[in-house]
Amino acid sequence: MESIPLAERMRPRSLDTFVGQSKLVGANGSLRRMLEQNLLPSMIFWGPPGVGKTTLAEIIAGKMGLGFIGMSAVSAGVKDIKEVIEKARQYGKMVLFLDEIHRFNKSQQDSLLGAVEKGYLTLIGATTENPSFEVNHALLSRTQVMVFEALTPADLMDLLQRALDDDVLLSPRKLQLNDKGLISTLADGDARKALNLLELCANQLETGSNTIDEALVAKVAGRKMSRFDASGEQHFDIISAFIKSMRGSDPNAALYWLARMIDGGEDPLFIARRMIILASEDIGNANPNALLLAQACFQSVHAVGMPEGRIVLAQTATYLASSVKSNASYMGIEKALAEVQSSGDLGVPLHLRNAPTRLMKELGYSKGYQYSHDYPMNFSEQEYLPEEISGKVFYSPADSAKEREIRQFLKLRWKEKYGY
């Protein structure tokens, strides 16, 4: 038993002991409802590592009373798949769990199609990559994609406490976890990583001690202690300081707060997502390249990971901080939403409506619509808003060079209608 890792010893055997993924297997989870109706389609489990994809596949097979074969696409080939298909054909319906299915090429994925379509093999493929890009269309159309989310700090704390209370080796030691959520932070949503770190800490406790504290976790993880707490007040305070530094055009402060988050173990993709928001909210059309760079940053950090991802984050943060600013787009959508709340669901003018059927054309749908490209400057001064709010201004370009160009473009076309 001692040679079996804690993560394996704590692997849940039923849906009721499974931690996380409440949208899938919670009381009203979509996957749980399917299983309760004795339905088991072929599926693709898409999500980050350590969130229970393999475990849930095993639980499902057991719950449905089906044979289970697990293999990795890294080492398996078409020959292995054919052998599994033949077993399923001979002995009845089976579940094939294929980890890292994105590593199978098109012909390897195609080898699964017949058995999946006929239903004697239920495929559960697991991937950390977007299946829309990594799984071929034919196989994707025969499966349902189930999206797994990184475990929350609360999920991980629950899991760690269960290990201390229930594990055959740890529970007799009456250990106390007093790390202020550091293991959960360092695990970054990965249950396996959290349990491995807990086990290492438990094994390095001094004789007579039964408390796993921050200092021990930091020592075992090889990290310098940081006051940053990715699940507490510091999380919100520091990301706020980071955003406000970029909004305030201070790249030096932005780099400092970025470094604090990186050093404290913040999820780099969370940082990148916040910069995407800032690029639109605070820079917008004053510098449209800002949003492109922020999006590229997210994709690059996702591709290369850390620690190299810190360089991409730093480049983007300094660019955004040093860019001209405008919140005109952000303020525009806020005004438009307020108008919708105030005036309700105003009707779409007839000339703007779609007219795919003869009846709709007879009712006047699309009649009188002026196709912009048929007019000088590709512009026709027709009405696009409901009559009740004609002339209402939501977007007011700011005074940056780029938005002055936008204002001039609109003024040339709309004259005095919108006051540009």
Protein backbone atom coordinates (compact mmCIF):
# COMPACT_ATOMS: atom_id res chain seq x y z
CA MET A 1 0.00 0.00 0.00
CA GLU A 2 2.85 2.43 0.80
CA SER A 3 4.13 2.13 -2.77
CA ILE A 4 0.80 3.30 -4.17
CA PRO A 5 0.73 7.13 -4.49
CA LEU A 6 -1.83 9.05 -2.45
CA ALA A 7 -3.50 10.34 -5.63
CA GLU A 8 -4.20 6.76 -6.68
CA ARG A 9 -5.32 5.68 -3.21
CA MET A 10 -7.79 8.58 -3.14
CA ARG A 11 -9.22 7.93 -6.59
CA PRO A 12 -13.03 8.04 -6.14
CA ARG A 13 -15.06 4.96 -7.06
CA SER A 14 -18.51 6.53 -7.39
CA LEU A 15 -20.17 9.73 -8.58
CA ASP A 16 -21.06 10.64 -5.00
CA THR A 17 -17.40 10.73 -3.95
CA PHE A 18 -16.23 12.49 -7.12
CA VAL A 19 -14.95 16.02 -6.42
CA GLY A 20 -15.66 18.91 -8.77
CA GLN A 21 -17.41 19.11 -12.19
CA SER A 22 -20.81 19.80 -10.63
CA LYS A 23 -22.19 20.91 -14.01
CA LEU A 24 -21.56 17.39 -15.28
CA VAL A 25 -22.06 15.09 -12.29
CA GLY A 26 -23.67 17.23 -9.59
CA ALA A 27 -27.24 16.62 -8.46
CA ASN A 28 -28.57 18.18 -11.67
CA GLY A 29 -25.50 17.57 -13.81
CA SER A 30 -26.04 16.82 -17.51
CA LEU A 31 -23.91 13.67 -17.48
CA ARG A 32 -25.46 12.33 -14.29
CA ARG A 33 -28.95 12.74 -15.79
CA MET A 34 -27.93 10.78 -18.88
CA LEU A 35 -26.53 7.94 -16.77
CA GLU A 36 -29.67 7.85 -14.62
CA GLN A 37 -31.63 7.37 -17.86
CA ASN A 38 -29.28 4.53 -18.79
CA LEU A 39 -27.89 6.55 -21.70
CA LEU A 40 -24.20 6.39 -22.52
CA PRO A 41 -23.14 8.09 -25.74
CA SER A 42 -19.58 8.23 -26.97
CA MET A 43 -17.97 11.35 -25.54
CA ILE A 44 -14.94 13.59 -25.63
CA PHE A 45 -13.78 14.80 -22.21
CA TRP A 46 -12.08 18.17 -22.73
CA GLY A 47 -10.30 19.90 -19.88
CA PRO A 48 -7.01 20.58 -18.09
CA PRO A 49 -4.95 17.80 -16.47
CA GLY A 50 -5.79 16.47 -13.03
CA VAL A 51 -9.52 17.25 -13.06
CA GLY A 52 -10.89 13.69 -13.10
CA LYS A 53 -11.30 12.73 -16.76
CA THR A 54 -9.81 9.23 -16.40
CA THR A 55 -11.46 8.65 -13.03
CA LEU A 56 -14.90 9.64 -14.29
CA ALA A 57 -14.57 7.34 -17.29
CA GLU A 58 -13.82 4.40 -14.97
CA ILE A 59 -16.74 5.30 -12.69
CA ILE A 60 -19.10 5.50 -15.67
CA ALA A 61 -18.07 2.09 -16.99
CA GLY A 62 -18.57 0.55 -13.56
CA LYS A 63 -21.93 2.24 -13.04
CA MET A 64 -23.17 0.99 -16.41
CA GLY A 65 -21.76 -2.51 -15.85
CA LEU A 66 -19.53 -2.38 -18.93
CA GLY A 67 -16.05 -3.66 -19.61
CA PHE A 68 -13.40 -0.94 -19.50
CA ILE A 69 -10.20 -0.68 -21.51
CA GLY A 70 -7.92 2.31 -21.05
CA MET A 71 -5.10 3.28 -23.35
CA SER A 72 -3.09 6.32 -24.35
CA ALA A 73 -3.00 7.69 -27.88
CA VAL A 74 0.71 8.35 -27.32
CA SER A 75 1.54 4.65 -27.43
CA ALA A 76 -1.52 3.04 -29.07
CA GLY A 77 -2.00 2.55 -32.79
CA VAL A 78 -4.60 1.34 -35.27
CA LYS A 79 -3.69 -2.30 -34.52
CA ASP A 80 -4.51 -1.80 -30.82
CA ILE A 81 -7.79 -0.12 -31.68
CA LYS A 82 -8.80 -2.98 -33.99
CA GLU A 83 -8.11 -5.51 -31.22
CA VAL A 84 -10.35 -3.57 -28.82
CA ILE A 85 -13.09 -3.34 -31.45
CA GLU A 86 -12.92 -7.08 -32.03
CA LYS A 87 -13.21 -7.72 -28.28
CA ALA A 88 -16.25 -5.46 -28.08
CA ARG A 89 -17.83 -7.24 -31.05
CA GLN A 90 -17.29 -10.66 -29.44
CA TYR A 91 -18.06 -10.00 -25.80
CA GLY A 92 -20.61 -7.18 -25.95
CA LYS A 93 -20.54 -3.45 -25.47
CA MET A 94 -17.38 -2.03 -23.91
CA VAL A 95 -15.99 1.37 -22.95
CA LEU A 96 -12.70 2.41 -24.55
CA PHE A 97 -11.03 5.28 -22.72
CA LEU A 98 -8.50 6.88 -25.05
CA ASP A 99 -6.34 9.41 -23.26
CA GLU A 100 -4.79 12.26 -25.27
CA ILE A 101 -6.98 11.47 -28.25
CA HIS A 102 -5.73 14.64 -29.93
CA ARG A 103 -2.45 12.82 -30.58
CA PHE A 104 -4.19 10.39 -32.96
CA ASN A 105 -3.92 11.41 -36.59
CA LYS A 106 -6.93 11.41 -38.94
CA SER A 107 -6.56 7.81 -40.10
CA GLN A 108 -6.17 6.58 -36.51
CA GLN A 109 -9.28 8.50 -35.45
CA ASP A 110 -11.15 7.18 -38.49
CA SER A 111 -10.47 3.61 -37.35
CA LEU A 112 -12.91 4.22 -34.48
CA LEU A 113 -15.82 5.46 -36.59
CA GLY A 114 -17.53 2.19 -37.50
CA ALA A 115 -17.55 0.73 -34.01
CA VAL A 116 -18.70 3.99 -32.45
CA GLU A 117 -21.48 4.44 -34.98
CA LYS A 118 -22.74 0.88 -34.57
CA GLY A 119 -22.73 1.31 -30.81
CA TYR A 120 -20.92 -1.77 -29.58
CA LEU A 121 -17.95 0.36 -28.56
CA THR A 122 -18.48 3.44 -26.41
CA LEU A 123 -15.56 5.79 -26.88
CA ILE A 124 -14.54 8.21 -24.14
CA GLY A 125 -11.69 10.29 -25.48
CA ALA A 126 -9.81 12.67 -23.22
CA THR A 127 -7.94 15.76 -24.36
CA THR A 128 -6.47 18.94 -22.98
CA GLU A 129 -6.74 20.56 -26.43
CA ASN A 130 -9.79 22.09 -28.09
CA PRO A 131 -11.51 19.13 -29.82
CA SER A 132 -12.90 21.45 -32.50
CA PHE A 133 -9.37 21.68 -33.83
CA GLU A 134 -7.82 18.39 -32.74
CA VAL A 135 -10.58 15.81 -33.34
CA ASN A 136 -11.68 15.25 -36.92
CA HIS A 137 -15.20 16.27 -37.85
CA ALA A 138 -16.47 12.75 -38.59
CA LEU A 139 -15.57 11.49 -35.12
CA LEU A 140 -16.66 14.72 -33.43
CA SER A 141 -20.12 14.45 -35.00
CA ARG A 142 -20.54 10.99 -33.42
CA THR A 143 -19.59 12.10 -29.91
CA GLN A 144 -20.72 14.58 -27.28
CA VAL A 145 -18.13 16.99 -25.90
CA MET A 146 -18.10 17.28 -22.12
CA VAL A 147 -16.18 20.32 -20.86
CA PHE A 148 -14.22 19.84 -17.63
CA GLU A 149 -13.14 22.83 -15.56
CA ALA A 150 -10.09 23.25 -13.37
CA LEU A 151 -10.91 22.38 -9.77
CA THR A 152 -11.64 25.38 -7.58
CA PRO A 153 -9.64 26.09 -4.41
CA ALA A 154 -12.69 24.93 -2.44
CA ASP A 155 -12.74 21.64 -4.39
CA LEU A 156 -9.06 21.08 -3.68
CA MET A 157 -9.40 21.92 0.01
CA ASP A 158 -12.24 19.41 0.24
CA LEU A 159 -10.11 16.79 -1.49
CA LEU A 160 -7.10 17.41 0.75
CA GLN A 161 -9.20 17.18 3.92
CA ARG A 162 -10.76 13.95 2.70
CA ALA A 163 -7.28 12.53 2.22
CA LEU A 164 -6.28 13.48 5.77
CA ASP A 165 -9.53 12.02 7.17
CA ASP A 166 -9.96 8.89 5.05
CA ASP A 167 -6.65 7.72 3.59
CA VAL A 168 -5.49 4.44 5.05
CA LEU A 169 -1.98 5.78 5.69
CA LEU A 170 -2.61 9.42 6.57
CA SER A 171 -5.75 9.24 8.70
CA PRO A 172 -4.12 7.31 11.61
CA ARG A 173 -1.54 10.12 11.92
CA LYS A 174 -4.24 12.75 12.75
CA LEU A 175 -2.54 15.37 10.58
CA GLN A 176 -3.70 19.00 10.48
CA LEU A 177 -3.52 21.15 7.36
CA ASN A 178 -2.82 24.78 8.22
CA ASP A 179 -1.24 26.06 5.01
CA LYS A 180 -3.74 28.92 4.35
CA GLY A 181 -4.62 27.42 0.99
CA LEU A 182 -1.05 27.32 -0.35
CA ILE A 183 -1.25 23.74 -1.64
CA SER A 184 -4.49 24.58 -3.45
CA THR A 185 -2.88 27.65 -4.97
CA LEU A 186 0.23 25.81 -6.13
CA ALA A 187 -1.81 22.92 -7.52
CA ASP A 188 -3.47 25.29 -10.02
CA GLY A 189 -6.73 23.32 -10.23
CA ASP A 190 -5.00 19.92 -10.55
CA ALA A 191 -6.12 17.29 -8.01
CA ARG A 192 -3.21 14.98 -8.72
CA LYS A 193 -0.71 17.78 -8.15
CA ALA A 194 -2.42 18.78 -4.89
CA LEU A 195 -2.45 15.25 -3.48
CA ASN A 196 1.16 14.62 -4.52
CA LEU A 197 2.26 17.79 -2.72
CA LEU A 198 0.25 16.88 0.38
CA GLU A 199 1.87 13.45 0.47
CA LEU A 200 5.37 14.92 0.12
CA CYS A 201 4.67 17.34 2.95
CA ALA A 202 3.32 14.57 5.19
CA ASN A 203 6.43 12.49 4.53
CA GLN A 204 8.73 15.38 5.49
CA LEU A 205 7.08 16.27 8.78
CA GLU A 206 9.47 16.18 11.68
CA THR A 207 8.95 13.47 14.26
CA GLY A 208 6.27 14.48 16.73
CA SER A 209 4.79 17.14 14.49
CA ASN A 210 1.36 16.72 12.95
CA THR A 211 0.77 20.17 11.35
CA ILE A 212 1.41 20.91 7.70
CA ASP A 213 1.89 24.69 7.57
CA GLU A 214 2.81 27.29 4.94
CA ALA A 215 6.52 27.11 5.66
CA LEU A 216 6.65 23.35 5.13
CA VAL A 217 4.61 23.52 1.92
CA ALA A 218 6.83 26.29 0.54
CA LYS A 219 9.97 24.33 1.46
CA VAL A 220 8.73 21.09 -0.11
CA ALA A 221 7.48 22.88 -3.23
CA GLY A 222 10.81 24.69 -3.56
CA ARG A 223 9.14 28.11 -3.49
CA LYS A 224 9.93 31.30 -1.68
CA MET A 225 7.12 32.36 0.61
CA SER A 226 4.88 35.05 -0.86
CA ARG A 227 2.14 37.06 0.77
CA PHE A 228 0.08 36.64 -2.38
CA ASP A 229 -2.92 34.39 -1.82
CA ALA A 230 -4.53 33.38 -5.12
CA SER A 231 -7.77 32.44 -3.40
CA GLY A 232 -8.13 35.32 -0.96
CA GLU A 233 -8.11 39.11 -0.64
CA GLN A 234 -4.61 39.46 -2.07
CA HIS A 235 -5.83 37.84 -5.29
CA PHE A 236 -8.36 40.61 -5.86
CA ASP A 237 -6.19 43.45 -4.56
CA ILE A 238 -3.17 42.63 -6.72
CA ILE A 239 -5.06 41.96 -9.95
CA SER A 240 -6.85 45.27 -9.31
CA ALA A 241 -3.53 47.07 -8.87
CA PHE A 242 -2.22 45.43 -12.06
CA ILE A 243 -5.22 46.49 -14.14
CA LYS A 244 -5.24 50.03 -12.75
CA SER A 245 -1.51 50.39 -13.44
CA MET A 246 -2.02 49.52 -17.11
CA ARG A 247 -5.10 51.74 -17.32
CA GLY A 248 -3.01 54.52 -15.77
CA SER A 249 -0.22 54.07 -18.38
CA ASP A 250 2.45 52.98 -15.87
CA PRO A 251 4.36 50.00 -17.34
CA ASN A 252 6.74 49.89 -14.36
CA ALA A 253 3.97 49.39 -11.84
CA ALA A 254 2.28 46.93 -14.19
CA LEU A 255 5.45 44.81 -14.30
CA TYR A 256 5.79 44.91 -10.52
CA TRP A 257 2.25 43.68 -9.88
CA LEU A 258 2.64 41.11 -12.67
CA ALA A 259 5.78 39.82 -10.95
CA ARG A 260 3.92 39.61 -7.63
CA MET A 261 1.25 37.43 -9.23
CA ILE A 262 3.72 35.20 -11.06
CA ASP A 263 5.79 34.74 -7.90
CA GLY A 264 2.65 33.96 -5.92
CA GLY A 265 1.46 31.24 -8.29
CA GLU A 266 -1.43 33.04 -9.98
CA ASP A 267 -2.90 31.26 -13.00
CA PRO A 268 -1.13 32.89 -16.00
CA LEU A 269 -4.18 32.39 -18.18
CA PHE A 270 -6.27 34.33 -15.68
CA ILE A 271 -3.81 37.22 -16.03
CA ALA A 272 -3.95 36.98 -19.83
CA ARG A 273 -7.75 36.95 -19.82
CA ARG A 274 -7.84 40.12 -17.73
CA MET A 275 -5.53 41.83 -20.24
CA ILE A 276 -7.92 40.89 -23.07
CA ILE A 277 -10.71 42.64 -21.16
CA LEU A 278 -8.55 45.71 -20.51
CA ALA A 279 -7.57 45.92 -24.19
CA SER A 280 -11.21 46.45 -25.12
CA GLU A 281 -12.46 48.27 -22.04
CA ASP A 282 -9.66 50.82 -21.65
CA ILE A 283 -7.96 51.02 -25.06
CA GLY A 284 -10.58 49.98 -27.59
CA ASN A 285 -10.51 51.69 -30.98
CA ALA A 286 -7.82 54.14 -29.88
CA ASN A 287 -5.43 51.29 -30.68
CA PRO A 288 -7.18 48.24 -32.18
CA ASN A 289 -3.90 46.29 -32.17
CA ALA A 290 -4.09 46.11 -28.38
CA LEU A 291 -6.88 43.54 -28.48
CA LEU A 292 -5.04 41.49 -31.11
CA LEU A 293 -1.89 41.41 -28.99
CA ALA A 294 -3.82 40.53 -25.83
CA GLN A 295 -5.54 37.64 -27.62
CA ALA A 296 -2.21 36.47 -29.04
CA CYS A 297 -0.79 36.65 -25.50
CA PHE A 298 -3.49 34.31 -24.17
CA GLN A 299 -2.89 31.81 -26.98
CA SER A 300 0.90 32.00 -26.60
CA VAL A 301 0.86 31.51 -22.83
CA HIS A 302 -1.50 28.56 -23.30
CA ALA A 303 0.90 27.08 -25.88
CA VAL A 304 4.26 27.56 -24.13
CA GLY A 305 3.21 27.49 -20.48
CA MET A 306 5.34 28.78 -17.64
CA PRO A 307 7.99 29.92 -16.89
CA GLU A 308 8.50 31.14 -20.48
CA GLY A 309 4.97 32.52 -20.56
CA ARG A 310 6.05 35.28 -18.17
CA ILE A 311 7.94 36.92 -21.06
CA VAL A 312 4.80 37.07 -23.21
CA LEU A 313 2.78 38.41 -20.28
CA ALA A 314 5.38 41.10 -19.65
CA GLN A 315 5.50 42.17 -23.31
CA THR A 316 1.73 42.49 -23.43
CA ALA A 317 1.42 44.28 -20.10
CA THR A 318 4.01 46.91 -21.05
CA TYR A 319 2.39 47.39 -24.48
CA LEU A 320 -1.06 47.88 -23.00
CA ALA A 321 0.25 50.22 -20.32
CA SER A 322 2.08 52.29 -22.94
CA SER A 323 -0.84 52.48 -25.37
CA VAL A 324 -3.22 55.40 -25.93
CA LYS A 325 -6.46 54.86 -24.05
CA SER A 326 -10.18 55.07 -24.75
CA ASN A 327 -13.20 53.60 -23.02
CA ALA A 328 -15.64 54.78 -25.70
CA SER A 329 -16.64 51.26 -26.81
CA TYR A 330 -17.16 50.17 -23.21
CA MET A 331 -19.26 53.22 -22.40
CA GLY A 332 -21.19 52.72 -25.66
CA ILE A 333 -22.36 49.22 -24.83
CA GLU A 334 -23.28 50.34 -21.30
CA LYS A 335 -25.46 53.11 -22.75
CA ALA A 336 -27.02 50.70 -25.25
CA LEU A 337 -27.83 48.17 -22.53
CA ALA A 338 -29.38 50.89 -20.42
CA GLU A 339 -31.53 51.90 -23.41
CA VAL A 340 -32.67 48.30 -23.91
CA GLN A 341 -33.67 48.12 -20.25
CA SER A 342 -35.51 51.42 -20.53
CA SER A 343 -37.32 51.07 -23.86
CA GLY A 344 -37.81 47.30 -24.00
CA ASP A 345 -37.88 45.12 -27.10
CA LEU A 346 -38.45 47.60 -29.89
CA GLY A 347 -39.43 46.14 -33.22
CA VAL A 348 -36.88 45.67 -36.00
CA PRO A 349 -37.70 48.07 -38.90
CA LEU A 350 -39.23 46.14 -41.80
CA HIS A 351 -36.51 47.08 -44.28
CA LEU A 352 -33.87 45.55 -41.98
CA ARG A 353 -35.67 42.24 -41.44
CA ASN A 354 -34.60 39.00 -43.04
CA ALA A 355 -36.93 37.67 -45.75
CA PRO A 356 -36.05 34.01 -46.48
CA THR A 357 -39.64 32.99 -47.40
CA ARG A 358 -42.23 34.20 -49.88
CA LEU A 359 -44.69 35.03 -47.09
CA MET A 360 -42.17 37.26 -45.38
CA LYS A 361 -41.53 39.11 -48.64
CA GLU A 362 -45.26 39.60 -49.11
CA LEU A 363 -45.45 41.06 -45.61
CA GLY A 364 -42.86 43.66 -46.57
CA TYR A 365 -39.84 42.15 -44.84
CA SER A 366 -36.62 43.62 -46.31
CA LYS A 367 -38.62 45.89 -48.67
CA GLY A 368 -36.84 49.17 -49.24
CA TYR A 369 -33.52 48.03 -47.86
CA GLN A 370 -30.68 49.95 -49.52
CA TYR A 371 -27.60 47.78 -50.13
CA SER A 372 -24.71 49.98 -49.00
CA HIS A 373 -22.33 48.91 -51.76
CA ASP A 374 -24.69 50.24 -54.42
CA TYR A 375 -24.12 53.81 -53.21
CA PRO A 376 -21.21 56.29 -53.27
CA MET A 377 -18.66 55.64 -50.50
CA ASN A 378 -20.49 52.34 -49.87
CA PHE A 379 -22.98 54.28 -47.76
CA SER A 380 -26.71 54.96 -47.79
CA GLU A 381 -28.26 57.31 -45.24
CA GLN A 382 -31.06 54.96 -44.25
CA GLU A 383 -32.40 54.30 -40.76
CA TYR A 384 -30.88 51.40 -38.80
CA LEU A 385 -32.39 52.07 -35.37
CA PRO A 386 -36.02 51.54 -34.34
CA GLU A 387 -38.05 54.66 -35.08
CA GLU A 388 -38.63 55.31 -31.36
CA ILE A 389 -34.92 55.92 -30.71
CA SER A 390 -33.83 57.32 -34.07
CA GLY A 391 -30.74 59.51 -33.70
CA LYS A 392 -29.80 58.12 -30.28
CA VAL A 393 -26.02 58.23 -29.71
CA PHE A 394 -24.31 55.35 -27.93
CA TYR A 395 -20.77 55.50 -29.34
CA SER A 396 -18.82 58.74 -29.00
CA PRO A 397 -15.24 58.36 -30.29
CA ALA A 398 -12.64 59.72 -27.89
CA ASP A 399 -9.92 62.24 -28.74
CA SER A 400 -7.10 59.87 -29.69
CA ALA A 401 -5.65 60.07 -33.21
CA LYS A 402 -7.30 56.86 -34.36
CA GLU A 403 -10.70 57.77 -32.94
CA ARG A 404 -10.51 61.24 -34.45
CA GLU A 405 -10.26 59.40 -37.78
CA ILE A 406 -13.32 57.35 -36.82
CA ARG A 407 -15.25 60.49 -35.84
CA GLN A 408 -14.39 62.12 -39.16
CA PHE A 409 -15.44 58.97 -41.04
CA LEU A 410 -18.83 58.97 -39.31
CA LYS A 411 -19.37 62.74 -39.61
CA LEU A 412 -18.70 62.64 -43.35
CA ARG A 413 -21.45 60.08 -43.77
CA TRP A 414 -24.06 60.92 -41.15
CA LYS A 415 -23.65 64.69 -41.29
CA GLU A 416 -25.50 66.14 -38.27
CA LYS A 417 -27.70 63.14 -37.46
CA TYR A 418 -25.54 61.82 -34.60
CA GLY A 419 -23.67 65.03 -33.83
CA TYR A 420 -20.26 63.70 -34.86
